Amino acid sequence: MSFLPKPKLHHPGLGCNALGFTKRDYEGAISTLCAGCGHDSISAAIVRACFELDLPPHRIAKMSGIGCSSKTPTYFLGNSHGFNAVHGRMPSVVTGANLANRDLIYLGVSGDGDSASIGLGQFAHAMRRGVNMCYIVENNGVYGLTKGQFSATSDKGAKSKTGATNKDEAIDLVGMALQLGATFVGRSFSGDKAQLVPLIKAALTHKGAAFIDVISPCVTFNNHNGSTKSFDYVREHNEAVNFLDVIVEKQEITVDYEPGTVEIVRQHDGSLLTLRKLGQSDYDPRNRAAAFSFLEQRKAQGEIVTGLLYVDPDAGEMHDQLGTSATPLNEFGEARLCPDSAALDKLNASLR
């Protein structure tokens, strides 16, 4: 399947930011995801956040792993640096790049399979080391590229269309990020740009490990009853030479509701998603223990809490902890990167 590229010419009436760029300058290729996919809404939110922050595209490094979510960097920030890592290994690639060049703005995009399964260990170490990055997980609770099997974030008791029940406990990446030491933790819904865009802007400007879990319904695998994240189980294929799957175009799901209130969102399959947006008086978001306790309380009520869940306004990051040079390593000359024997002898002498 091929798509025509987006036209290079811009409408003269498009607004520009302080750098003279339009939103089009922060876009990428035309999306090949399913029509109505929540991931495309997240891409649009990233574009808007970077445009409104007046970020120079060449200073942004976007990283991803494998999965539907990890395809999305193709669809935004087409003029920025990009690296598509192997499955689950995006955090270590970001860590290495960050150590080599601390002057870039690092944006990691992953999915529930990429971060909560094969990449769980990588996710954990990026959070605890305080890698200075914005880490976004596009969480749909399924393996969309392999026909909608339960992922590690699927809730226990969720049922597939065929009646299969998920018997495993769900991994809560927000809870893990809090426990592992992330200094900025948020959760949002792909259809709530009024909340998601400011969260992304705050995460991009935060010093330290900033994590955002975004509930992003899969429009292809959510057409059944009994699922808490709206997905369908793979249909049994027949013995025909070809198996064709037609995906009916659906409208994007959006919401707009006040802080401190609960919104029930009806998904494409008729199932309901209950969202609670944090209010000003729920708890102090600078208190890590209070944040974790509030999440557990609302989870017991069947609610998914969204908003800025925790932030450390005085957070440090990996370079502070390691005491690295203020000059990025990629600016060092060969003499500093490859010291001679005299320098090595001096170092060895200092360790005796």
Protein backbone atom coordinates (compact mmCIF):
# COMPACT_ATOMS: atom_id res chain seq x y z
CA MET A 1 0.00 0.00 0.00
CA SER A 2 1.40 3.40 -0.94
CA PHE A 3 0.40 6.93 -0.09
CA LEU A 4 1.10 10.25 -1.74
CA PRO A 5 3.43 12.42 0.36
CA LYS A 6 2.08 15.55 1.98
CA PRO A 7 2.50 18.61 -0.22
CA LYS A 8 5.51 20.76 0.60
CA LEU A 9 3.69 24.03 0.03
CA HIS A 10 1.92 25.64 3.00
CA HIS A 11 -1.17 27.78 2.93
CA PRO A 12 -0.07 31.41 3.37
CA GLY A 13 -2.67 31.84 6.11
CA LEU A 14 -1.16 29.23 8.43
CA GLY A 15 -0.05 30.68 11.74
CA CYS A 16 3.60 30.58 12.77
CA ASN A 17 5.26 30.21 16.14
CA ALA A 18 8.11 32.33 17.49
CA LEU A 19 10.60 30.46 15.29
CA GLY A 20 8.60 31.09 12.14
CA PHE A 21 7.45 27.49 11.81
CA THR A 22 3.87 26.36 11.15
CA LYS A 23 2.31 23.21 12.59
CA ARG A 24 2.93 21.57 9.23
CA ASP A 25 6.66 21.88 9.87
CA TYR A 26 6.25 19.58 12.89
CA GLU A 27 4.25 16.93 11.05
CA GLY A 28 5.56 13.78 9.39
CA ALA A 29 4.35 11.32 6.78
CA ILE A 30 0.72 10.35 6.22
CA SER A 31 -0.36 7.79 8.82
CA THR A 32 -0.96 4.19 7.74
CA LEU A 33 -2.63 3.26 11.05
CA CYS A 34 -6.30 2.27 11.18
CA ALA A 35 -8.73 5.15 10.67
CA GLY A 36 -9.78 6.48 14.06
CA CYS A 37 -6.77 5.03 15.92
CA GLY A 38 -6.06 6.82 19.18
CA HIS A 39 -2.35 6.77 18.36
CA ASP A 40 -2.91 9.33 15.60
CA SER A 41 -4.54 11.63 18.16
CA ILE A 42 -1.41 11.35 20.30
CA SER A 43 0.76 12.20 17.29
CA ALA A 44 -1.36 15.29 16.69
CA ALA A 45 -0.98 16.26 20.36
CA ILE A 46 2.83 15.93 20.10
CA VAL A 47 2.85 18.12 16.99
CA ARG A 48 0.79 20.77 18.74
CA ALA A 49 2.89 20.64 21.91
CA CYS A 50 6.19 21.08 20.05
CA PHE A 51 4.73 23.87 17.89
CA GLU A 52 3.42 25.77 20.92
CA LEU A 53 6.71 25.32 22.82
CA ASP A 54 8.62 26.82 19.87
CA LEU A 55 11.01 23.86 19.86
CA PRO A 56 13.59 23.79 17.04
CA PRO A 57 12.90 20.49 15.21
CA HIS A 58 16.62 19.77 14.80
CA ARG A 59 17.05 19.71 18.59
CA ILE A 60 14.50 16.92 19.09
CA ALA A 61 15.44 13.24 19.01
CA LYS A 62 12.45 10.89 18.73
CA MET A 63 13.00 7.25 19.63
CA SER A 64 10.79 4.16 19.51
CA GLY A 65 10.82 0.37 19.62
CA ILE A 66 8.47 -2.03 17.82
CA GLY A 67 4.67 -2.04 17.57
CA CYS A 68 1.81 0.11 16.30
CA SER A 69 2.82 2.84 18.75
CA SER A 70 6.45 2.69 17.68
CA LYS A 71 5.46 3.34 14.06
CA THR A 72 4.02 6.73 15.02
CA PRO A 73 7.28 8.77 15.04
CA THR A 74 7.09 8.50 11.26
CA TYR A 75 3.92 10.58 11.45
CA PHE A 76 5.27 13.54 13.45
CA LEU A 77 8.41 15.68 13.61
CA GLY A 78 9.58 14.76 10.14
CA ASN A 79 12.45 17.28 10.38
CA SER A 80 13.81 15.88 13.65
CA HIS A 81 16.33 13.17 14.47
CA GLY A 82 14.82 9.68 14.74
CA PHE A 83 15.84 6.16 15.67
CA ASN A 84 13.63 3.06 15.59
CA ALA A 85 15.20 0.55 18.00
CA VAL A 86 14.53 -3.17 18.30
CA HIS A 87 11.63 -4.45 20.39
CA GLY A 88 11.74 -3.10 23.95
CA ARG A 89 15.18 -1.52 23.63
CA MET A 90 14.23 2.11 23.10
CA PRO A 91 15.15 3.22 26.69
CA SER A 92 18.75 2.00 26.44
CA VAL A 93 19.18 3.70 23.05
CA VAL A 94 17.90 6.96 24.55
CA THR A 95 20.22 6.53 27.55
CA GLY A 96 23.25 6.11 25.31
CA ALA A 97 22.30 9.00 23.03
CA ASN A 98 21.61 11.22 26.03
CA LEU A 99 25.03 10.47 27.53
CA ALA A 100 26.70 11.34 24.23
CA ASN A 101 24.71 14.52 23.56
CA ARG A 102 22.90 16.06 26.50
CA ASP A 103 21.84 19.11 24.45
CA LEU A 104 19.07 17.33 22.54
CA ILE A 105 15.45 17.02 23.68
CA TYR A 106 14.63 13.31 23.93
CA LEU A 107 11.15 11.98 23.18
CA GLY A 108 10.57 8.24 23.55
CA VAL A 109 7.37 6.70 22.20
CA SER A 110 6.48 3.14 23.13
CA GLY A 111 3.52 0.82 23.65
CA ASP A 112 2.19 -1.49 26.34
CA GLY A 113 3.78 -4.49 24.63
CA ASP A 114 7.05 -2.70 23.93
CA SER A 115 7.44 -1.33 27.49
CA ALA A 116 5.44 -3.67 29.76
CA SER A 117 6.58 -7.00 28.29
CA ILE A 118 9.89 -7.42 26.48
CA GLY A 119 11.08 -3.93 27.47
CA LEU A 120 9.97 -3.94 31.12
CA GLY A 121 13.53 -4.07 32.45
CA GLN A 122 14.62 -1.30 30.10
CA PHE A 123 11.68 0.86 31.17
CA ALA A 124 12.53 0.30 34.84
CA HIS A 125 16.16 1.37 34.51
CA ALA A 126 15.36 4.47 32.45
CA MET A 127 13.00 5.62 35.22
CA ARG A 128 15.30 4.86 38.15
CA ARG A 129 18.36 6.41 36.49
CA GLY A 130 16.51 9.64 35.82
CA VAL A 131 17.22 9.76 32.09
CA ASN A 132 16.23 13.24 30.96
CA MET A 133 13.46 12.38 28.51
CA CYS A 134 9.74 12.47 27.84
CA TYR A 135 8.60 8.82 27.80
CA ILE A 136 5.12 8.28 26.30
CA VAL A 137 3.41 4.88 26.32
CA GLU A 138 0.47 4.56 23.93
CA ASN A 139 -1.50 2.01 25.93
CA ASN A 140 -4.26 0.04 24.17
CA GLY A 141 -4.01 -3.23 26.10
CA VAL A 142 -3.47 -5.37 23.00
CA TYR A 143 -0.84 -6.51 20.51
CA GLY A 144 -2.32 -4.72 17.53
CA LEU A 145 0.27 -5.85 14.96
CA THR A 146 -0.32 -9.53 15.77
CA LYS A 147 -4.14 -9.51 15.87
CA GLY A 148 -5.09 -8.27 19.30
CA GLN A 149 -3.83 -10.74 21.91
CA PHE A 150 -3.90 -9.68 25.56
CA SER A 151 -0.94 -7.47 26.48
CA ALA A 152 0.69 -7.12 29.88
CA THR A 153 -1.52 -4.11 30.69
CA SER A 154 -4.78 -5.96 29.99
CA ASP A 155 -6.87 -6.07 33.15
CA LYS A 156 -7.38 -9.39 34.90
CA GLY A 157 -10.80 -10.76 34.03
CA ALA A 158 -11.01 -8.98 30.67
CA LYS A 159 -12.62 -11.17 28.01
CA SER A 160 -11.95 -11.54 24.34
CA LYS A 161 -14.69 -11.83 21.73
CA THR A 162 -14.34 -15.61 21.73
CA GLY A 163 -14.84 -15.69 25.49
CA ALA A 164 -11.19 -16.17 26.50
CA THR A 165 -10.47 -14.58 29.86
CA ASN A 166 -7.25 -12.87 30.83
CA LYS A 167 -6.12 -14.62 34.02
CA ASP A 168 -2.98 -12.55 34.64
CA GLU A 169 -2.70 -9.43 36.77
CA ALA A 170 -2.22 -6.23 34.80
CA ILE A 171 1.05 -4.33 34.98
CA ASP A 172 0.39 -0.72 36.00
CA LEU A 173 3.18 1.31 34.37
CA VAL A 174 2.09 4.47 36.20
CA GLY A 175 2.45 2.72 39.57
CA MET A 176 5.82 1.33 38.52
CA ALA A 177 7.06 4.74 37.38
CA LEU A 178 6.14 6.17 40.77
CA GLN A 179 7.91 3.39 42.65
CA LEU A 180 11.02 3.48 40.45
CA GLY A 181 11.68 7.17 40.99
CA ALA A 182 10.28 8.97 37.94
CA THR A 183 10.03 12.66 38.80
CA PHE A 184 7.11 13.43 36.48
CA VAL A 185 4.23 10.95 36.12
CA GLY A 186 1.00 11.55 34.22
CA ARG A 187 -1.82 9.67 32.56
CA SER A 188 -4.25 10.82 29.91
CA PHE A 189 -6.70 9.67 27.25
CA SER A 190 -5.91 10.00 23.56
CA GLY A 191 -9.25 11.69 22.92
CA ASP A 192 -8.69 14.45 25.50
CA LYS A 193 -6.31 16.86 23.77
CA ALA A 194 -7.23 19.64 26.20
CA GLN A 195 -5.48 17.60 28.89
CA LEU A 196 -2.91 15.68 26.84
CA VAL A 197 -1.22 18.60 25.08
CA PRO A 198 -0.33 20.50 28.29
CA LEU A 199 0.92 17.25 29.85
CA ILE A 200 3.25 16.63 26.91
CA LYS A 201 4.47 20.23 27.00
CA ALA A 202 5.22 19.93 30.72
CA ALA A 203 6.99 16.59 30.24
CA LEU A 204 9.15 17.93 27.39
CA THR A 205 10.34 20.82 29.56
CA HIS A 206 10.78 18.75 32.76
CA LYS A 207 14.32 18.03 33.93
CA GLY A 208 14.52 14.30 34.61
CA ALA A 209 12.53 11.18 33.78
CA ALA A 210 9.03 12.24 32.69
CA PHE A 211 6.52 9.46 32.03
CA ILE A 212 3.03 9.70 30.50
CA ASP A 213 0.70 6.72 30.14
CA VAL A 214 -1.90 7.46 27.46
CA ILE A 215 -4.96 5.21 27.18
CA SER A 216 -5.35 4.82 23.41
CA PRO A 217 -8.22 2.51 22.33
CA CYS A 218 -7.55 0.12 19.44
CA VAL A 219 -10.39 0.60 16.95
CA THR A 220 -9.73 -2.70 15.21
CA PHE A 221 -9.72 -5.09 18.18
CA ASN A 222 -12.33 -3.56 20.50
CA ASN A 223 -15.59 -4.79 18.97
CA HIS A 224 -16.65 -7.16 21.74
CA ASN A 225 -18.15 -7.15 25.20
CA GLY A 226 -16.17 -7.79 28.36
CA SER A 227 -13.01 -5.81 27.63
CA THR A 228 -11.85 -2.92 29.75
CA LYS A 229 -9.66 -1.39 27.04
CA SER A 230 -11.82 -2.09 24.00
CA PHE A 231 -10.24 -4.69 21.75
CA ASP A 232 -11.25 -7.75 19.77
CA TYR A 233 -9.60 -11.15 19.55
CA VAL A 234 -8.23 -12.38 16.27
CA ARG A 235 -10.74 -14.08 14.02
CA GLU A 236 -10.07 -17.65 13.00
CA HIS A 237 -8.60 -17.60 9.49
CA ASN A 238 -10.08 -19.83 6.85
CA GLU A 239 -8.38 -22.09 4.36
CA ALA A 240 -8.64 -19.67 1.48
CA VAL A 241 -5.53 -18.62 -0.41
CA ASN A 242 -5.86 -15.06 0.93
CA PHE A 243 -7.33 -13.75 4.16
CA LEU A 244 -8.63 -10.21 3.84
CA ASP A 245 -9.51 -8.07 6.84
CA VAL A 246 -11.67 -5.00 6.20
CA ILE A 247 -11.39 -2.26 8.82
CA VAL A 248 -14.44 0.01 8.82
CA GLU A 249 -13.60 3.68 9.25
CA LYS A 250 -14.72 5.08 12.60
CA GLN A 251 -14.86 8.53 14.09
CA GLU A 252 -12.19 9.63 16.56
CA ILE A 253 -13.39 9.47 20.19
CA THR A 254 -12.97 12.80 22.00
CA VAL A 255 -13.96 14.08 25.43
CA ASP A 256 -14.00 17.44 27.21
CA TYR A 257 -14.76 17.46 30.93
CA GLU A 258 -13.86 19.50 33.98
CA PRO A 259 -11.08 18.69 36.48
CA GLY A 260 -12.32 16.79 39.51
CA THR A 261 -15.11 15.10 37.58
CA VAL A 262 -15.72 11.63 36.18
CA GLU A 263 -16.48 11.06 32.50
CA ILE A 264 -17.87 7.81 31.09
CA VAL A 265 -16.73 7.35 27.48
CA ARG A 266 -18.57 4.95 25.18
CA GLN A 267 -16.14 3.07 22.93
CA HIS A 268 -16.73 1.95 19.34
CA ASP A 269 -17.97 -1.45 20.51
CA GLY A 270 -20.42 -0.01 23.04
CA SER A 271 -18.26 -0.76 26.09
CA LEU A 272 -17.66 2.02 28.62
CA LEU A 273 -14.41 3.58 29.83
CA THR A 274 -14.59 5.48 33.14
CA LEU A 275 -12.14 8.38 33.42
CA ARG A 276 -11.48 10.63 36.42
CA LYS A 277 -9.66 13.91 35.83
CA LEU A 278 -7.70 15.11 38.84
CA GLY A 279 -9.03 18.17 40.63
CA GLN A 280 -7.04 20.81 42.49
CA SER A 281 -7.96 19.49 45.95
CA ASP A 282 -7.66 15.71 45.45
CA TYR A 283 -4.13 15.56 46.90
CA ASP A 284 -0.72 17.22 46.69
CA PRO A 285 0.87 15.99 43.42
CA ARG A 286 4.33 16.63 44.93
CA ASN A 287 3.71 13.83 47.46
CA ARG A 288 4.72 10.50 45.89
CA ALA A 289 3.06 8.36 48.57
CA ALA A 290 -0.19 10.35 48.37
CA ALA A 291 -0.22 9.95 44.59
CA PHE A 292 0.19 6.19 44.82
CA SER A 293 -2.49 5.91 47.52
CA PHE A 294 -4.97 7.99 45.51
CA LEU A 295 -4.40 5.86 42.40
CA GLU A 296 -5.08 2.66 44.36
CA GLN A 297 -8.24 4.10 45.93
CA ARG A 298 -9.73 5.14 42.61
CA LYS A 299 -8.61 1.91 40.92
CA ALA A 300 -10.66 -0.02 43.48
CA GLN A 301 -13.65 2.03 42.29
CA GLY A 302 -13.00 1.02 38.67
CA GLU A 303 -11.77 4.46 37.64
CA ILE A 304 -8.74 5.41 35.52
CA VAL A 305 -7.24 8.57 36.99
CA THR A 306 -5.89 11.05 34.44
CA GLY A 307 -3.87 14.24 34.76
CA LEU A 308 -0.53 15.15 36.32
CA LEU A 309 -0.26 12.48 39.01
CA TYR A 310 3.14 13.34 40.49
CA VAL A 311 5.92 15.85 39.92
CA ASP A 312 9.14 16.71 41.74
CA PRO A 313 9.75 20.42 41.02
CA ASP A 314 13.38 20.14 42.19
CA ALA A 315 14.24 16.96 40.30
CA GLY A 316 17.70 16.12 39.05
CA GLU A 317 18.64 13.90 36.15
CA MET A 318 21.20 11.30 35.12
CA HIS A 319 23.97 13.78 34.25
CA ASP A 320 23.68 15.39 37.70
CA GLN A 321 24.04 12.01 39.38
CA LEU A 322 27.02 10.92 37.25
CA GLY A 323 28.79 14.26 37.33
CA THR A 324 29.37 14.22 33.59
CA SER A 325 30.95 17.02 31.61
CA ALA A 326 28.78 19.99 30.71
CA THR A 327 30.16 19.66 27.17
CA PRO A 328 28.42 16.93 25.15
CA LEU A 329 30.70 14.02 24.34
CA ASN A 330 30.09 14.45 20.62
CA GLU A 331 31.88 17.81 20.82
CA PHE A 332 35.05 16.36 22.33
CA GLY A 333 38.09 16.04 20.14
CA GLU A 334 40.07 12.85 19.67
CA ALA A 335 42.66 13.92 22.24
CA ARG A 336 40.04 13.99 25.01
CA LEU A 337 38.15 10.91 23.86
CA CYS A 338 41.33 8.85 23.38
CA PRO A 339 43.82 9.94 26.09
CA ASP A 340 47.47 8.96 25.74
CA SER A 341 49.44 6.62 27.99
CA ALA A 342 50.57 9.46 30.25
CA ALA A 343 46.97 10.33 31.08
CA LEU A 344 46.21 6.66 31.75
CA ASP A 345 49.23 6.37 34.06
CA LYS A 346 48.04 9.44 35.98
CA LEU A 347 44.55 7.95 36.38
CA ASN A 348 45.93 4.61 37.58
CA ALA A 349 48.19 6.36 40.06
CA SER A 350 45.20 8.22 41.54
CA LEU A 351 43.47 4.90 42.23
CA ARG A 352 46.35 3.30 44.13
